[in-house]
Amino acid sequence: MAMKLQQNQIWLKNGEYYRIVQLSRLEVQYKTLTDPLSGRGPHQQVTKKEFCRLLKGAVLQGAEASQDAAQQQQQQ
């Protein structure tokens, strides 16, 4: 499954949430959150490649996740 990164997406992995703050061609700025509603957490900056490796096995949260699941079911 291909990963489509977009700004403000929230990903969950091992009890931590990762929210994409800013997305550019080669770099991702994100926050690590324990509670996605608070919006408080350290701001970090990595390359897209490093971020995709970090998200390996993560689950997309929110409206985007349900839209992606619906599109995959329609394709099958």
C-alpha atoms as a PDB file:
ATOM      1  CA  MET A   1       0.000   0.000   0.000  1.00  0.00           C
ATOM      2  CA  ALA A   2       1.402   3.381  -0.990  1.00  0.00           C
ATOM      3  CA  MET A   3       1.611   6.056   1.664  1.00  0.00           C
ATOM      4  CA  LYS A   4       0.183   9.465   0.708  1.00  0.00           C
ATOM      5  CA  LEU A   5       1.445  12.099   3.092  1.00  0.00           C
ATOM      6  CA  GLN A   6      -0.541  15.299   3.573  1.00  0.00           C
ATOM      7  CA  GLN A   7      -0.342  18.194   5.982  1.00  0.00           C
ATOM      8  CA  ASN A   8      -2.273  17.776   9.275  1.00  0.00           C
ATOM      9  CA  GLN A   9      -2.481  13.984   8.977  1.00  0.00           C
ATOM     10  CA  ILE A  10      -2.277  12.152  12.289  1.00  0.00           C
ATOM     11  CA  TRP A  11      -0.603   8.740  12.403  1.00  0.00           C
ATOM     12  CA  LEU A  12      -0.647   6.330  15.369  1.00  0.00           C
ATOM     13  CA  LYS A  13       2.228   3.969  16.148  1.00  0.00           C
ATOM     14  CA  ASN A  14       3.020   2.247  19.456  1.00  0.00           C
ATOM     15  CA  GLY A  15       0.759   4.593  21.461  1.00  0.00           C
ATOM     16  CA  GLU A  16       2.321   7.772  20.048  1.00  0.00           C
ATOM     17  CA  TYR A  17       0.658  10.115  17.588  1.00  0.00           C
ATOM     18  CA  TYR A  18       2.586  11.873  14.821  1.00  0.00           C
ATOM     19  CA  ARG A  19       0.999  14.958  13.239  1.00  0.00           C
ATOM     20  CA  ILE A  20       2.446  16.387  10.034  1.00  0.00           C
ATOM     21  CA  VAL A  21       2.855  20.128  10.557  1.00  0.00           C
ATOM     22  CA  GLN A  22       4.553  21.070   7.287  1.00  0.00           C
ATOM     23  CA  LEU A  23       5.314  18.976   4.252  1.00  0.00           C
ATOM     24  CA  SER A  24       7.727  19.897   1.482  1.00  0.00           C
ATOM     25  CA  ARG A  25       9.353  18.006  -1.344  1.00  0.00           C
ATOM     26  CA  LEU A  26      12.285  16.647   0.678  1.00  0.00           C
ATOM     27  CA  GLU A  27      11.428  17.395   4.294  1.00  0.00           C
ATOM     28  CA  VAL A  28       8.714  16.804   6.889  1.00  0.00           C
ATOM     29  CA  GLN A  29       8.118  18.828  10.026  1.00  0.00           C
ATOM     30  CA  TYR A  30       6.008  16.971  12.572  1.00  0.00           C
ATOM     31  CA  LYS A  31       4.953  16.853  16.208  1.00  0.00           C
ATOM     32  CA  THR A  32       5.023  13.815  18.460  1.00  0.00           C
ATOM     33  CA  LEU A  33       1.879  13.787  20.603  1.00  0.00           C
ATOM     34  CA  THR A  34       0.586  11.616  23.424  1.00  0.00           C
ATOM     35  CA  ASP A  35      -2.899  13.155  23.080  1.00  0.00           C
ATOM     36  CA  PRO A  36      -3.878  14.217  19.530  1.00  0.00           C
ATOM     37  CA  LEU A  37      -6.512  16.677  20.825  1.00  0.00           C
ATOM     38  CA  SER A  38      -4.089  18.721  22.928  1.00  0.00           C
ATOM     39  CA  GLY A  39      -1.739  19.555  20.041  1.00  0.00           C
ATOM     40  CA  ARG A  40       1.158  19.804  22.475  1.00  0.00           C
ATOM     41  CA  GLY A  41       4.403  18.051  21.743  1.00  0.00           C
ATOM     42  CA  PRO A  42       7.943  18.531  20.521  1.00  0.00           C
ATOM     43  CA  HIS A  43       8.334  19.877  16.988  1.00  0.00           C
ATOM     44  CA  GLN A  44      10.791  17.875  14.891  1.00  0.00           C
ATOM     45  CA  GLN A  45      12.191  18.058  11.366  1.00  0.00           C
ATOM     46  CA  VAL A  46      13.427  15.100   9.269  1.00  0.00           C
ATOM     47  CA  THR A  47      13.752  14.066   5.647  1.00  0.00           C
ATOM     48  CA  LYS A  48      10.747  12.434   3.972  1.00  0.00           C
ATOM     49  CA  LYS A  49      12.631   9.152   3.773  1.00  0.00           C
ATOM     50  CA  GLU A  50      13.339   9.155   7.527  1.00  0.00           C
ATOM     51  CA  PHE A  51       9.715  10.044   8.273  1.00  0.00           C
ATOM     52  CA  CYS A  52       8.373   7.208   6.118  1.00  0.00           C
ATOM     53  CA  ARG A  53      10.690   4.792   7.930  1.00  0.00           C
ATOM     54  CA  LEU A  54       9.426   6.154  11.247  1.00  0.00           C
ATOM     55  CA  LEU A  55       5.811   5.578  10.162  1.00  0.00           C
ATOM     56  CA  LYS A  56       6.375   2.008   8.987  1.00  0.00           C
ATOM     57  CA  GLY A  57       3.545   0.003  10.557  1.00  0.00           C
ATOM     58  CA  ALA A  58       1.641   3.126  11.675  1.00  0.00           C
ATOM     59  CA  VAL A  59      -2.102   3.618  11.188  1.00  0.00           C
ATOM     60  CA  LEU A  60      -3.598   6.783   9.708  1.00  0.00           C
ATOM     61  CA  GLN A  61      -6.189   8.360  12.035  1.00  0.00           C
ATOM     62  CA  GLY A  62      -9.203  10.562  11.296  1.00  0.00           C
ATOM     63  CA  ALA A  63     -11.293  11.335   8.219  1.00  0.00           C
ATOM     64  CA  GLU A  64      -8.487  10.616   5.744  1.00  0.00           C
ATOM     65  CA  ALA A  65      -8.239   7.039   7.011  1.00  0.00           C
ATOM     66  CA  SER A  66     -11.918   6.301   6.434  1.00  0.00           C
ATOM     67  CA  GLN A  67     -11.777   7.873   2.946  1.00  0.00           C
ATOM     68  CA  ASP A  68      -8.739   5.765   2.025  1.00  0.00           C
ATOM     69  CA  ALA A  69     -10.439   2.587   3.258  1.00  0.00           C
ATOM     70  CA  ALA A  70     -13.564   3.351   1.213  1.00  0.00           C
ATOM     71  CA  GLN A  71     -11.475   3.940  -1.931  1.00  0.00           C
ATOM     72  CA  GLN A  72      -9.644   0.639  -1.452  1.00  0.00           C
ATOM     73  CA  GLN A  73     -12.912  -1.263  -1.094  1.00  0.00           C
ATOM     74  CA  GLN A  74     -14.249   0.298  -4.308  1.00  0.00           C
ATOM     75  CA  GLN A  75     -11.111  -0.774  -6.186  1.00  0.00           C
ATOM     76  CA  GLN A  76     -11.529  -4.429  -5.143  1.00  0.00           C
END
